[in-house]
Amino acid sequence: MNTNSSMAALGASVGARPLMGRAYEGDPTRLPAESFGLAPVVPPKRNRTAPWDYDREAYKGRNMVERVFNRMKHYRQAATRHDRLDETFLANLQLIPIAIYLKNTAKNLTSVNTP
């Protein structure tokens, strides 16, 4: 089994649906993903002569993922990668979302308890 057929089998078995921005909706990007058995979720550009349907609800999840990465970049450890060990960098990447969650939870609790 060659690499392309194994990638196609993996994509089809997992049901992978990569969320892609409109900048990557061109045929050179989208068609190879489809040939690997992936179902890319990407809206067509407005000037497409033959637009396709896409899962709008799944595409909305892309915005949430981008916002999480943007918030993570506010932490210097993740943005500058000063860690020498990969394990330390990975640990920081795992701790940052926890810190963001706790910060937002504390902010919500104070706004609810404030008269």
C-alpha atoms as a PDB file:
ATOM      1  CA  MET A   1       0.000   0.000   0.000  1.00  0.00           C
ATOM      2  CA  ASN A   2       1.503   3.336  -0.990  1.00  0.00           C
ATOM      3  CA  THR A   3       1.449   6.505   1.074  1.00  0.00           C
ATOM      4  CA  ASN A   4      -1.435   8.130  -0.806  1.00  0.00           C
ATOM      5  CA  SER A   5      -3.775   5.179  -0.375  1.00  0.00           C
ATOM      6  CA  SER A   6      -2.891   4.827   3.310  1.00  0.00           C
ATOM      7  CA  MET A   7      -3.545   8.543   3.846  1.00  0.00           C
ATOM      8  CA  ALA A   8      -6.878   8.193   2.044  1.00  0.00           C
ATOM      9  CA  ALA A   9      -7.788   5.197   4.218  1.00  0.00           C
ATOM     10  CA  LEU A  10      -6.818   7.067   7.370  1.00  0.00           C
ATOM     11  CA  GLY A  11      -8.808  10.155   6.382  1.00  0.00           C
ATOM     12  CA  ALA A  12     -11.875   8.125   5.473  1.00  0.00           C
ATOM     13  CA  SER A  13     -11.753   5.986   8.628  1.00  0.00           C
ATOM     14  CA  VAL A  14     -11.306   8.941  10.964  1.00  0.00           C
ATOM     15  CA  GLY A  15     -13.809  11.111   9.140  1.00  0.00           C
ATOM     16  CA  ALA A  16     -11.421  14.036   9.247  1.00  0.00           C
ATOM     17  CA  ARG A  17     -12.874  17.368   8.256  1.00  0.00           C
ATOM     18  CA  PRO A  18     -10.175  20.040   8.179  1.00  0.00           C
ATOM     19  CA  LEU A  19     -11.502  23.548   8.763  1.00  0.00           C
ATOM     20  CA  MET A  20      -9.911  25.787   6.160  1.00  0.00           C
ATOM     21  CA  GLY A  21     -10.112  29.516   5.632  1.00  0.00           C
ATOM     22  CA  ARG A  22     -11.515  31.030   2.486  1.00  0.00           C
ATOM     23  CA  ALA A  23      -7.963  31.825   1.375  1.00  0.00           C
ATOM     24  CA  TYR A  24      -7.348  28.079   0.979  1.00  0.00           C
ATOM     25  CA  GLU A  25     -10.513  27.280  -0.958  1.00  0.00           C
ATOM     26  CA  GLY A  26      -8.711  27.041  -4.290  1.00  0.00           C
ATOM     27  CA  ASP A  27      -8.623  23.798  -6.236  1.00  0.00           C
ATOM     28  CA  PRO A  28      -4.852  23.261  -5.664  1.00  0.00           C
ATOM     29  CA  THR A  29      -5.522  22.994  -1.912  1.00  0.00           C
ATOM     30  CA  ARG A  30      -9.020  21.575  -1.659  1.00  0.00           C
ATOM     31  CA  LEU A  31      -8.850  18.821  -4.296  1.00  0.00           C
ATOM     32  CA  PRO A  32      -5.760  17.052  -2.863  1.00  0.00           C
ATOM     33  CA  ALA A  33      -7.438  17.007   0.555  1.00  0.00           C
ATOM     34  CA  GLU A  34     -10.491  15.387  -1.016  1.00  0.00           C
ATOM     35  CA  SER A  35      -8.286  12.857  -2.819  1.00  0.00           C
ATOM     36  CA  PHE A  36      -6.891  11.789   0.590  1.00  0.00           C
ATOM     37  CA  GLY A  37     -10.407  11.023   1.773  1.00  0.00           C
ATOM     38  CA  LEU A  38     -10.751  14.218   3.793  1.00  0.00           C
ATOM     39  CA  ALA A  39     -13.861  16.378   3.594  1.00  0.00           C
ATOM     40  CA  PRO A  40     -12.588  19.961   3.925  1.00  0.00           C
ATOM     41  CA  VAL A  41     -14.965  22.483   5.411  1.00  0.00           C
ATOM     42  CA  VAL A  42     -14.287  25.655   3.478  1.00  0.00           C
ATOM     43  CA  PRO A  43     -16.721  28.208   2.083  1.00  0.00           C
ATOM     44  CA  PRO A  44     -16.368  29.019  -1.612  1.00  0.00           C
ATOM     45  CA  LYS A  45     -15.365  32.511  -2.620  1.00  0.00           C
ATOM     46  CA  ARG A  46     -18.243  34.673  -3.745  1.00  0.00           C
ATOM     47  CA  ASN A  47     -17.022  34.856  -7.334  1.00  0.00           C
ATOM     48  CA  ARG A  48     -16.958  31.040  -7.820  1.00  0.00           C
ATOM     49  CA  THR A  49     -18.950  29.974 -10.885  1.00  0.00           C
ATOM     50  CA  ALA A  50     -19.771  26.571  -9.369  1.00  0.00           C
ATOM     51  CA  PRO A  51     -19.981  27.023  -5.566  1.00  0.00           C
ATOM     52  CA  TRP A  52     -20.340  23.983  -3.300  1.00  0.00           C
ATOM     53  CA  ASP A  53     -22.206  23.366  -0.090  1.00  0.00           C
ATOM     54  CA  TYR A  54     -20.302  23.247   3.196  1.00  0.00           C
ATOM     55  CA  ASP A  55     -21.187  22.658   6.815  1.00  0.00           C
ATOM     56  CA  ARG A  56     -21.748  26.172   8.158  1.00  0.00           C
ATOM     57  CA  GLU A  57     -22.012  25.041  11.789  1.00  0.00           C
ATOM     58  CA  ALA A  58     -18.686  23.203  11.603  1.00  0.00           C
ATOM     59  CA  TYR A  59     -17.086  26.246   9.971  1.00  0.00           C
ATOM     60  CA  LYS A  60     -18.161  28.410  12.925  1.00  0.00           C
ATOM     61  CA  GLY A  61     -15.941  26.217  15.118  1.00  0.00           C
ATOM     62  CA  ARG A  62     -12.922  27.516  13.191  1.00  0.00           C
ATOM     63  CA  ASN A  63     -13.437  30.966  14.688  1.00  0.00           C
ATOM     64  CA  MET A  64     -13.418  29.533  18.196  1.00  0.00           C
ATOM     65  CA  VAL A  65     -10.160  27.668  17.566  1.00  0.00           C
ATOM     66  CA  GLU A  66      -8.515  30.810  16.183  1.00  0.00           C
ATOM     67  CA  ARG A  67      -9.621  32.834  19.217  1.00  0.00           C
ATOM     68  CA  VAL A  68      -8.083  30.255  21.572  1.00  0.00           C
ATOM     69  CA  PHE A  69      -4.755  30.394  19.718  1.00  0.00           C
ATOM     70  CA  ASN A  70      -4.881  34.203  19.771  1.00  0.00           C
ATOM     71  CA  ARG A  71      -5.396  34.217  23.546  1.00  0.00           C
ATOM     72  CA  MET A  72      -2.566  31.727  23.982  1.00  0.00           C
ATOM     73  CA  LYS A  73      -0.210  34.042  22.085  1.00  0.00           C
ATOM     74  CA  HIS A  74      -0.702  36.672  24.789  1.00  0.00           C
ATOM     75  CA  TYR A  75       1.361  34.508  27.104  1.00  0.00           C
ATOM     76  CA  ARG A  76       5.037  35.112  26.545  1.00  0.00           C
ATOM     77  CA  GLN A  77       6.073  31.488  27.066  1.00  0.00           C
ATOM     78  CA  ALA A  78       4.029  30.344  24.076  1.00  0.00           C
ATOM     79  CA  ALA A  79       4.667  33.344  21.849  1.00  0.00           C
ATOM     80  CA  THR A  80       8.451  33.485  22.122  1.00  0.00           C
ATOM     81  CA  ARG A  81       9.319  29.825  22.824  1.00  0.00           C
ATOM     82  CA  HIS A  82      12.138  30.480  25.298  1.00  0.00           C
ATOM     83  CA  ASP A  83      11.928  26.955  26.720  1.00  0.00           C
ATOM     84  CA  ARG A  84      14.888  24.719  26.020  1.00  0.00           C
ATOM     85  CA  LEU A  85      13.057  21.427  26.383  1.00  0.00           C
ATOM     86  CA  ASP A  86      10.120  20.368  24.220  1.00  0.00           C
ATOM     87  CA  GLU A  87       8.455  18.899  27.308  1.00  0.00           C
ATOM     88  CA  THR A  88       8.546  22.269  29.074  1.00  0.00           C
ATOM     89  CA  PHE A  89       7.063  24.015  26.051  1.00  0.00           C
ATOM     90  CA  LEU A  90       4.299  21.411  25.810  1.00  0.00           C
ATOM     91  CA  ALA A  91       3.584  21.758  29.532  1.00  0.00           C
ATOM     92  CA  ASN A  92       3.235  25.528  29.106  1.00  0.00           C
ATOM     93  CA  LEU A  93       0.885  25.016  26.161  1.00  0.00           C
ATOM     94  CA  GLN A  94      -1.251  22.803  28.377  1.00  0.00           C
ATOM     95  CA  LEU A  95      -1.207  25.186  31.349  1.00  0.00           C
ATOM     96  CA  ILE A  96      -2.079  28.322  29.378  1.00  0.00           C
ATOM     97  CA  PRO A  97      -5.664  27.252  28.485  1.00  0.00           C
ATOM     98  CA  ILE A  98      -6.188  26.317  32.139  1.00  0.00           C
ATOM     99  CA  ALA A  99      -5.012  29.780  33.205  1.00  0.00           C
ATOM    100  CA  ILE A 100      -7.306  31.397  30.617  1.00  0.00           C
ATOM    101  CA  TYR A 101     -10.256  29.328  31.849  1.00  0.00           C
ATOM    102  CA  LEU A 102      -9.603  30.179  35.507  1.00  0.00           C
ATOM    103  CA  LYS A 103      -9.201  33.871  34.682  1.00  0.00           C
ATOM    104  CA  ASN A 104     -12.501  33.933  32.779  1.00  0.00           C
ATOM    105  CA  THR A 105     -14.276  31.960  35.511  1.00  0.00           C
ATOM    106  CA  ALA A 106     -13.057  34.358  38.209  1.00  0.00           C
ATOM    107  CA  LYS A 107     -14.110  37.315  36.077  1.00  0.00           C
ATOM    108  CA  ASN A 108     -17.593  35.850  35.597  1.00  0.00           C
ATOM    109  CA  LEU A 109     -17.976  35.078  39.304  1.00  0.00           C
ATOM    110  CA  THR A 110     -17.111  38.638  40.337  1.00  0.00           C
ATOM    111  CA  SER A 111     -19.510  40.114  37.797  1.00  0.00           C
ATOM    112  CA  VAL A 112     -22.347  37.863  39.058  1.00  0.00           C
ATOM    113  CA  ASN A 113     -21.683  38.562  42.757  1.00  0.00           C
ATOM    114  CA  THR A 114     -21.275  42.323  42.316  1.00  0.00           C
ATOM    115  CA  PRO A 115     -24.527  44.186  43.207  1.00  0.00           C
END
